[in-house]
């Protein structure tokens, strides 16, 4: 019998001063049996950073052909492709050819070696942005994890502040490669 995903709900009040975006999102996140809560929270962070009514979670780990999140146009073209983790260069190359903008969010503290090995293969893609989330920052998110989360989020100058009724966390993403 296959294990089922665990469902998490996240009510997010987003105040993004950098983009002038102020909106509430009521999200449902499926935690795949092979996924950690840290990875799920990084997916949530990626959503928050790019929040839009047309941005959606996909099958993610359950599908090789889809990113963790994407935003499609009305003509079904992929405007934004977002992967979480340390994808191989073939997957990133494929994403860069399929989407207008590609973002990769790395996390976990072991990613600097991955980046050293893959960086030279990716520098030619002008639509690719690679962002590292420091381990200490993603660890600070863990007390916020609940099956039902009510989060207030502020974004300003590239930094995120997340809080619920009892905990708070700060995340300062580090951009390793920026789309031109």
Protein backbone atom coordinates (compact mmCIF):
# COMPACT_ATOMS: atom_id res chain seq x y z
CA UNK A 1 0.00 0.00 0.00
CA UNK A 2 1.42 3.36 -1.04
CA UNK A 3 1.89 6.08 1.51
CA UNK A 4 -0.29 9.14 1.06
CA UNK A 5 0.73 12.77 1.22
CA UNK A 6 0.08 14.76 4.39
CA UNK A 7 -2.01 17.86 3.80
CA UNK A 8 -1.02 21.22 5.30
CA UNK A 9 -3.02 24.45 5.10
CA UNK A 10 -1.36 27.85 5.08
CA UNK A 11 -3.25 31.12 5.33
CA UNK A 12 -0.69 33.73 4.29
CA UNK A 13 -1.11 37.47 4.65
CA UNK A 14 1.57 38.78 2.30
CA UNK A 15 2.87 42.34 2.36
CA UNK A 16 5.57 42.58 -0.32
CA UNK A 17 6.89 46.14 -0.18
CA UNK A 18 9.44 45.40 -2.93
CA UNK A 19 6.71 44.64 -5.51
CA UNK A 20 3.83 46.59 -3.99
CA UNK A 21 1.90 43.32 -3.62
CA UNK A 22 -0.53 42.99 -0.68
CA UNK A 23 -2.76 39.95 -0.72
CA UNK A 24 -4.06 37.04 1.34
CA UNK A 25 -3.55 33.52 0.00
CA UNK A 26 -5.22 30.39 1.36
CA UNK A 27 -2.92 27.57 0.28
CA UNK A 28 -3.05 23.80 0.47
CA UNK A 29 0.32 22.04 0.47
CA UNK A 30 0.73 18.31 0.06
CA UNK A 31 3.78 16.94 1.88
CA UNK A 32 4.94 14.01 -0.25
CA UNK A 33 5.94 10.94 1.84
CA UNK A 34 9.56 11.33 0.71
CA UNK A 35 9.62 15.09 1.33
CA UNK A 36 10.81 16.83 4.50
CA UNK A 37 8.95 19.65 6.23
CA UNK A 38 11.97 21.86 5.49
CA UNK A 39 11.53 21.31 1.75
CA UNK A 40 7.80 21.96 2.01
CA UNK A 41 8.51 25.27 3.77
CA UNK A 42 11.02 26.21 1.05
CA UNK A 43 8.26 25.58 -1.51
CA UNK A 44 6.02 27.84 0.55
CA UNK A 45 8.75 30.52 0.67
CA UNK A 46 9.15 30.32 -3.11
CA UNK A 47 5.41 30.86 -3.46
CA UNK A 48 5.52 33.84 -1.10
CA UNK A 49 8.43 35.46 -2.95
CA UNK A 50 6.65 35.14 -6.31
CA UNK A 51 3.07 35.35 -5.03
CA UNK A 52 0.51 35.83 -7.77
CA UNK A 53 -3.03 34.64 -8.32
CA UNK A 54 -1.80 32.57 -11.29
CA UNK A 55 1.10 30.87 -9.46
CA UNK A 56 0.30 27.26 -8.57
CA UNK A 57 1.85 24.28 -6.83
CA UNK A 58 2.21 21.31 -9.17
CA UNK A 59 2.65 17.58 -8.71
CA UNK A 60 6.29 18.38 -7.89
CA UNK A 61 8.11 15.28 -6.67
CA UNK A 62 5.43 13.08 -8.23
CA UNK A 63 6.22 14.29 -11.77
CA UNK A 64 9.49 14.62 -13.68
CA UNK A 65 7.88 16.96 -16.22
CA UNK A 66 6.68 19.64 -13.81
CA UNK A 67 8.43 22.03 -11.44
CA UNK A 68 7.44 22.55 -7.81
CA UNK A 69 5.54 25.71 -8.79
CA UNK A 70 4.64 27.35 -12.03
CA UNK A 71 2.78 30.27 -13.45
CA UNK A 72 1.20 29.86 -16.86
CA UNK A 73 -0.19 32.40 -19.29
CA UNK A 74 -3.72 32.29 -20.66
CA UNK A 75 -2.29 30.54 -23.74
CA UNK A 76 -0.78 27.82 -21.49
CA UNK A 77 2.82 29.00 -21.96
CA UNK A 78 5.00 28.69 -18.87
CA UNK A 79 5.86 32.17 -17.64
CA UNK A 80 7.56 31.13 -14.38
CA UNK A 81 9.12 27.74 -13.52
CA UNK A 82 10.27 27.26 -9.91
CA UNK A 83 12.28 24.26 -8.72
CA UNK A 84 13.34 23.58 -5.13
CA UNK A 85 16.48 21.66 -4.20
CA UNK A 86 19.50 20.77 -6.31
CA UNK A 87 18.25 19.74 -9.75
CA UNK A 88 20.72 18.46 -12.31
CA UNK A 89 21.85 20.64 -15.20
CA UNK A 90 19.72 18.70 -17.74
CA UNK A 91 16.53 19.50 -15.84
CA UNK A 92 17.50 23.17 -15.51
CA UNK A 93 18.43 23.37 -19.20
CA UNK A 94 15.05 21.86 -20.13
CA UNK A 95 13.25 24.33 -17.86
CA UNK A 96 15.13 27.29 -19.37
CA UNK A 97 13.98 26.24 -22.84
CA UNK A 98 10.35 25.74 -21.76
CA UNK A 99 9.77 28.80 -19.53
CA UNK A 100 10.28 32.54 -19.78
CA UNK A 101 11.75 32.73 -16.26
CA UNK A 102 13.30 29.91 -14.23
CA UNK A 103 14.09 30.03 -10.51
CA UNK A 104 15.94 27.42 -8.50
CA UNK A 105 15.79 27.68 -4.69
CA UNK A 106 18.51 25.67 -2.98
CA UNK A 107 18.58 24.98 0.76
CA UNK A 108 19.96 22.60 3.33
CA UNK A 109 23.59 23.62 3.72
CA UNK A 110 25.03 21.00 1.33
CA UNK A 111 24.33 23.00 -1.79
CA UNK A 112 27.59 24.96 -2.18
CA UNK A 113 29.35 21.86 -3.56
CA UNK A 114 26.43 21.28 -5.96
CA UNK A 115 26.73 24.92 -7.09
CA UNK A 116 30.50 24.67 -7.64
CA UNK A 117 29.98 21.62 -9.86
CA UNK A 118 27.06 23.00 -11.89
CA UNK A 119 27.64 26.76 -12.05
CA UNK A 120 29.72 26.85 -15.24
CA UNK A 121 27.04 24.84 -17.08
CA UNK A 122 24.30 27.35 -16.21
CA UNK A 123 25.87 30.77 -16.70
CA UNK A 124 24.74 30.95 -20.35
CA UNK A 125 21.03 30.92 -19.47
CA UNK A 126 19.78 34.52 -19.34
CA UNK A 127 16.39 33.56 -17.91
CA UNK A 128 17.74 31.62 -14.89
CA UNK A 129 17.99 32.79 -11.29
CA UNK A 130 19.54 30.58 -8.60
CA UNK A 131 18.85 31.52 -4.98
CA UNK A 132 20.36 29.92 -1.87
CA UNK A 133 18.43 29.88 1.39
CA UNK A 134 20.90 29.62 4.31
CA UNK A 135 20.50 26.58 6.55
CA UNK A 136 20.09 28.71 9.69
CA UNK A 137 17.21 30.57 8.02
CA UNK A 138 15.36 27.43 6.92
CA UNK A 139 15.91 25.91 10.38
CA UNK A 140 14.27 29.01 11.86
CA UNK A 141 11.12 28.20 9.85
CA UNK A 142 10.58 24.82 11.54
CA UNK A 143 8.77 26.17 14.65
CA UNK A 144 6.20 27.73 12.27
CA UNK A 145 5.27 24.35 10.77
CA UNK A 146 1.78 23.20 11.76
CA UNK A 147 -0.92 21.32 9.89
CA UNK A 148 -2.85 24.61 9.81
CA UNK A 149 -0.65 27.71 9.63
CA UNK A 150 -1.73 31.34 9.90
CA UNK A 151 1.23 33.39 8.75
CA UNK A 152 1.90 37.10 8.41
CA UNK A 153 4.69 37.75 5.95
CA UNK A 154 6.54 40.94 5.10
CA UNK A 155 9.06 41.26 2.28
CA UNK A 156 11.32 44.26 1.99
CA UNK A 157 14.75 44.77 0.42
CA UNK A 158 14.88 41.07 -0.50
CA UNK A 159 14.41 39.92 3.11
CA UNK A 160 11.41 38.01 4.48
CA UNK A 161 9.86 38.16 7.95
CA UNK A 162 7.38 35.43 8.80
CA UNK A 163 5.36 35.12 11.99
CA UNK A 164 2.41 33.36 13.51
CA UNK A 165 0.78 33.92 16.89
CA UNK A 166 3.80 32.48 18.77
CA UNK A 167 6.91 32.31 16.57
CA UNK A 168 8.77 34.40 14.02
CA UNK A 169 11.56 33.83 11.53
CA UNK A 170 13.71 35.91 9.22
CA UNK A 171 14.97 34.68 5.87
CA UNK A 172 17.58 36.49 3.81
CA UNK A 173 17.93 34.76 0.43
CA UNK A 174 21.34 34.85 -1.23
CA UNK A 175 21.21 35.16 -5.03
CA UNK A 176 23.95 33.06 -6.64
CA UNK A 177 22.94 33.69 -10.26
CA UNK A 178 20.60 36.39 -11.49
CA UNK A 179 18.69 36.44 -14.77
CA UNK A 180 19.72 39.27 -17.04
